[in-house]
Amino acid sequence: MSSTNDAWTARARREVPPRKLEKQIAVVRAACGTFGREGYARASVDALAAAAGVSTRTLYNHFPRGKAQLFETVVTWTSHEVKDAQLARLHALVDPARPPHPDALERDLVALARAFTDLVAEYPDHFALVRHLSAEADHVPEEVRTAWQEAGPGPVGAALAAAFTGLAGHGLLDLHGDPDLASGHFMALTTGAVVQRSHYGVLPLPQAETDRILRGGVAAFVRAYRAAA
């Protein structure tokens, strides 16, 4: 994690004494790397405590529900970071208040897809966690999966759907009455395809292959959703 997540620490500062909060942050930072390497099922409480340089008793003092609570905190923290980065790039590149010329729609959507995909390399710890969330879905507690969706993919999907709705209002897209589905299709055809092919960034693709996937995914999306002339 590159920085302390504002949403998590703002709430924590209201609820946790400063010295205790510093220790919690240290535990969460260390746990992020451990979970990213080992996954949820394999990471033991002993290993998580050792990575943070604390006793298991101290870990439970800060996270009474143990590994599940710590994993939920780590996933929520990193998901907020990536969500904030995604939303910043979305608002910079696709602004319904300044819609592109119809001929530039595909170009701008490729730029957005590339900006989203670049985050895989910028936030490797987060995408390592997401890889384990996907691979270990039957072992990860439901509340952790829900927290991840609410912290990251949910708000980003909603914002992308809203941006596409704005473009539809300008006559650039036809969302066929389902902006959420259109948003999901865009992500699946672009960033999602690269993430899957690269195993969540573990085996990065050559740049030329990434560009080919993104351009092809956007072209397919535009063929499906461009408004009729």
Protein backbone atom coordinates (compact mmCIF):
# COMPACT_ATOMS: atom_id res chain seq x y z
CA MET A 1 0.00 0.00 0.00
CA SER A 2 1.46 3.31 -1.03
CA SER A 3 -0.28 5.46 1.58
CA THR A 4 -2.68 5.29 4.47
CA ASN A 5 -6.23 4.99 3.20
CA ASP A 6 -8.16 8.12 4.17
CA ALA A 7 -11.54 6.45 4.57
CA TRP A 8 -10.25 3.75 6.90
CA THR A 9 -7.93 5.92 8.98
CA ALA A 10 -10.41 8.79 9.30
CA ARG A 11 -12.88 6.43 10.91
CA ALA A 12 -10.15 4.76 12.95
CA ARG A 13 -8.87 8.09 14.29
CA ARG A 14 -12.32 8.77 15.74
CA GLU A 15 -12.49 5.36 17.39
CA VAL A 16 -8.93 4.33 18.23
CA PRO A 17 -6.31 6.06 20.44
CA PRO A 18 -3.35 7.35 18.40
CA ARG A 19 -0.75 4.88 19.71
CA LYS A 20 -3.08 1.95 19.15
CA LEU A 21 -3.88 3.21 15.67
CA GLU A 22 -0.17 3.34 14.78
CA LYS A 23 0.15 -0.29 15.77
CA GLN A 24 -2.94 -1.25 13.78
CA ILE A 25 -1.57 0.45 10.68
CA ALA A 26 1.74 -1.39 11.07
CA VAL A 27 -0.08 -4.72 11.38
CA VAL A 28 -2.26 -3.99 8.34
CA ARG A 29 0.72 -2.97 6.20
CA ALA A 30 2.59 -6.15 7.07
CA ALA A 31 -0.51 -8.30 6.58
CA CYS A 32 -1.04 -6.89 3.10
CA GLY A 33 2.21 -8.41 1.90
CA THR A 34 1.64 -11.70 3.71
CA PHE A 35 -1.87 -12.16 2.36
CA GLY A 36 -0.69 -11.19 -1.12
CA ARG A 37 1.99 -13.91 -1.08
CA GLU A 38 0.19 -16.66 0.82
CA GLY A 39 -3.49 -16.01 0.18
CA TYR A 40 -6.20 -16.10 2.81
CA ALA A 41 -6.32 -19.81 3.58
CA ARG A 42 -2.56 -20.37 3.83
CA ALA A 43 -1.68 -17.26 5.85
CA SER A 44 -1.66 -18.27 9.52
CA VAL A 45 -2.23 -15.93 12.42
CA ASP A 46 1.26 -16.77 13.66
CA ALA A 47 2.77 -15.77 10.31
CA LEU A 48 0.73 -12.56 10.19
CA ALA A 49 1.82 -11.62 13.69
CA ALA A 50 5.46 -12.42 12.94
CA ALA A 51 5.42 -10.31 9.78
CA ALA A 52 4.14 -7.36 11.82
CA GLY A 53 6.61 -7.96 14.63
CA VAL A 54 3.91 -8.47 17.24
CA SER A 55 2.63 -11.38 19.32
CA THR A 56 -0.52 -13.25 18.34
CA ARG A 57 -2.10 -11.87 21.52
CA THR A 58 -1.38 -8.32 20.34
CA LEU A 59 -2.84 -9.10 16.92
CA TYR A 60 -6.07 -10.33 18.52
CA ASN A 61 -6.17 -7.27 20.77
CA HIS A 62 -6.35 -5.12 17.67
CA PHE A 63 -8.41 -7.49 15.52
CA PRO A 64 -10.61 -9.60 17.84
CA ARG A 65 -12.02 -11.68 14.96
CA GLY A 66 -8.49 -12.59 13.98
CA LYS A 67 -7.51 -13.38 10.43
CA ALA A 68 -10.93 -12.72 8.91
CA GLN A 69 -11.15 -9.22 10.38
CA LEU A 70 -7.57 -8.41 9.44
CA PHE A 71 -8.07 -9.61 5.86
CA GLU A 72 -11.28 -7.58 5.59
CA THR A 73 -9.42 -4.47 6.80
CA VAL A 74 -6.56 -4.99 4.34
CA VAL A 75 -8.90 -5.62 1.40
CA THR A 76 -11.07 -2.62 2.27
CA TRP A 77 -8.05 -0.36 2.67
CA THR A 78 -6.42 -1.26 -0.64
CA SER A 79 -9.77 -1.30 -2.47
CA HIS A 80 -10.43 2.29 -1.41
CA GLU A 81 -7.01 3.32 -2.71
CA VAL A 82 -7.54 1.72 -6.10
CA LYS A 83 -11.13 2.97 -6.32
CA ASP A 84 -9.98 6.56 -5.72
CA ALA A 85 -7.37 6.19 -8.46
CA GLN A 86 -9.90 4.70 -10.88
CA LEU A 87 -12.46 7.42 -10.24
CA ALA A 88 -9.87 10.16 -10.73
CA ARG A 89 -8.90 8.70 -14.10
CA LEU A 90 -12.50 8.16 -15.12
CA HIS A 91 -13.46 11.75 -14.37
CA ALA A 92 -10.37 13.07 -16.16
CA LEU A 93 -10.89 11.04 -19.32
CA VAL A 94 -14.68 10.62 -19.67
CA ASP A 95 -16.60 13.72 -18.67
CA PRO A 96 -20.21 13.82 -19.91
CA ALA A 97 -20.14 17.59 -19.35
CA ARG A 98 -17.48 17.74 -22.10
CA PRO A 99 -18.48 14.89 -24.40
CA PRO A 100 -16.03 13.90 -27.13
CA HIS A 101 -16.73 14.31 -30.79
CA PRO A 102 -18.34 11.07 -32.05
CA ASP A 103 -15.20 10.30 -34.04
CA ALA A 104 -13.13 10.51 -30.82
CA LEU A 105 -15.34 8.28 -28.68
CA GLU A 106 -13.37 5.10 -29.33
CA ARG A 107 -10.06 6.90 -28.80
CA ASP A 108 -11.18 8.23 -25.41
CA LEU A 109 -12.50 4.86 -24.29
CA VAL A 110 -9.19 3.22 -25.21
CA ALA A 111 -7.41 5.85 -23.11
CA LEU A 112 -9.72 5.06 -20.20
CA ALA A 113 -9.18 1.32 -20.54
CA ARG A 114 -5.42 1.85 -20.63
CA ALA A 115 -5.54 4.12 -17.57
CA PHE A 116 -7.50 1.52 -15.61
CA THR A 117 -5.21 -1.30 -16.72
CA ASP A 118 -2.06 0.61 -15.72
CA LEU A 119 -3.25 0.43 -12.12
CA VAL A 120 -2.52 -3.31 -12.04
CA ALA A 121 1.20 -2.53 -12.09
CA GLU A 122 0.84 0.48 -9.79
CA TYR A 123 -1.00 -1.43 -7.04
CA PRO A 124 0.46 -4.96 -7.18
CA ASP A 125 -0.36 -5.77 -3.55
CA HIS A 126 -4.03 -5.00 -4.09
CA PHE A 127 -4.33 -7.10 -7.22
CA ALA A 128 -2.52 -9.96 -5.51
CA LEU A 129 -5.25 -9.83 -2.85
CA VAL A 130 -7.98 -9.78 -5.48
CA ARG A 131 -6.40 -12.78 -7.19
CA HIS A 132 -6.65 -14.70 -3.94
CA LEU A 133 -10.20 -13.47 -3.37
CA SER A 134 -11.15 -14.98 -6.70
CA ALA A 135 -9.18 -18.21 -6.33
CA GLU A 136 -10.24 -18.82 -2.73
CA ALA A 137 -13.84 -17.63 -2.91
CA ASP A 138 -15.04 -20.74 -1.10
CA HIS A 139 -12.67 -20.09 1.82
CA VAL A 140 -12.96 -16.31 2.17
CA PRO A 141 -15.78 -15.21 4.53
CA GLU A 142 -18.79 -13.72 2.77
CA GLU A 143 -18.50 -10.48 4.74
CA VAL A 144 -15.00 -9.99 3.34
CA ARG A 145 -16.17 -10.45 -0.25
CA THR A 146 -19.02 -8.02 0.43
CA ALA A 147 -16.68 -5.45 1.97
CA TRP A 148 -14.43 -5.66 -1.10
CA GLN A 149 -17.34 -5.12 -3.49
CA GLU A 150 -18.66 -2.17 -1.49
CA ALA A 151 -15.24 -0.55 -1.17
CA GLY A 152 -14.06 -0.87 -4.76
CA PRO A 153 -15.81 -2.57 -7.67
CA GLY A 154 -19.29 -1.41 -6.68
CA PRO A 155 -18.61 2.36 -6.60
CA VAL A 156 -16.40 2.20 -9.70
CA GLY A 157 -19.01 0.25 -11.65
CA ALA A 158 -21.70 2.74 -10.61
CA ALA A 159 -19.55 5.72 -11.60
CA LEU A 160 -18.74 4.17 -14.97
CA ALA A 161 -22.42 3.43 -15.58
CA ALA A 162 -23.25 7.05 -14.72
CA ALA A 163 -20.58 8.32 -17.12
CA PHE A 164 -21.91 6.10 -19.89
CA THR A 165 -25.44 7.32 -19.15
CA GLY A 166 -24.18 10.86 -19.64
CA LEU A 167 -22.63 9.93 -22.97
CA ALA A 168 -25.89 8.26 -23.96
CA GLY A 169 -27.66 11.52 -23.15
CA HIS A 170 -25.47 13.20 -25.75
CA GLY A 171 -26.41 10.59 -28.34
CA LEU A 172 -23.03 8.84 -28.32
CA LEU A 173 -24.06 5.52 -26.77
CA ASP A 174 -27.16 3.35 -26.74
CA LEU A 175 -27.10 1.44 -23.44
CA HIS A 176 -30.19 -0.62 -24.28
CA GLY A 177 -31.76 0.39 -21.00
CA ASP A 178 -29.07 -1.24 -18.81
CA PRO A 179 -26.10 1.04 -18.02
CA ASP A 180 -24.84 -1.33 -15.31
CA LEU A 181 -24.59 -4.16 -17.83
CA ALA A 182 -22.81 -1.88 -20.29
CA SER A 183 -20.34 -0.90 -17.58
CA GLY A 184 -19.69 -4.56 -16.80
CA HIS A 185 -19.18 -5.36 -20.47
CA PHE A 186 -16.66 -2.54 -20.85
CA MET A 187 -14.59 -3.73 -17.90
CA ALA A 188 -14.79 -7.39 -18.94
CA LEU A 189 -13.68 -6.64 -22.50
CA THR A 190 -10.77 -4.41 -21.49
CA THR A 191 -9.12 -4.35 -18.07
CA GLY A 192 -10.76 -7.60 -17.02
CA ALA A 193 -9.36 -9.41 -20.05
CA VAL A 194 -5.84 -8.14 -19.36
CA VAL A 195 -6.09 -8.99 -15.66
CA GLN A 196 -7.18 -12.53 -16.44
CA ARG A 197 -4.51 -13.08 -19.10
CA SER A 198 -1.76 -11.71 -16.84
CA HIS A 199 -3.00 -13.60 -13.77
CA TYR A 200 -3.70 -10.33 -11.97
CA GLY A 201 -0.37 -8.84 -12.96
CA VAL A 202 1.77 -11.77 -11.79
CA LEU A 203 2.83 -12.49 -15.39
CA PRO A 204 2.68 -9.09 -17.14
CA LEU A 205 1.82 -9.15 -20.82
CA PRO A 206 3.99 -7.48 -23.47
CA GLN A 207 2.78 -3.93 -24.01
CA ALA A 208 1.87 -4.66 -27.62
CA GLU A 209 -0.39 -7.52 -26.51
CA THR A 210 -2.01 -5.39 -23.83
CA ASP A 211 -2.71 -2.67 -26.39
CA ARG A 212 -4.15 -5.22 -28.81
CA ILE A 213 -6.55 -6.54 -26.16
CA LEU A 214 -7.62 -3.07 -25.06
CA ARG A 215 -8.18 -1.72 -28.57
CA GLY A 216 -10.05 -4.86 -29.58
CA GLY A 217 -12.16 -4.80 -26.43
CA VAL A 218 -13.13 -1.17 -26.91
CA ALA A 219 -13.89 -1.77 -30.58
CA ALA A 220 -16.24 -4.62 -29.62
CA PHE A 221 -17.86 -2.45 -26.94
CA VAL A 222 -18.39 0.43 -29.35
CA ARG A 223 -19.89 -1.88 -31.99
CA ALA A 224 -22.37 -3.12 -29.39
CA TYR A 225 -23.21 0.20 -27.76
CA ARG A 226 -22.61 3.06 -30.20
CA ALA A 227 -25.82 4.97 -30.79
CA ALA A 228 -27.27 4.69 -34.26
CA ALA A 229 -26.55 7.66 -36.47
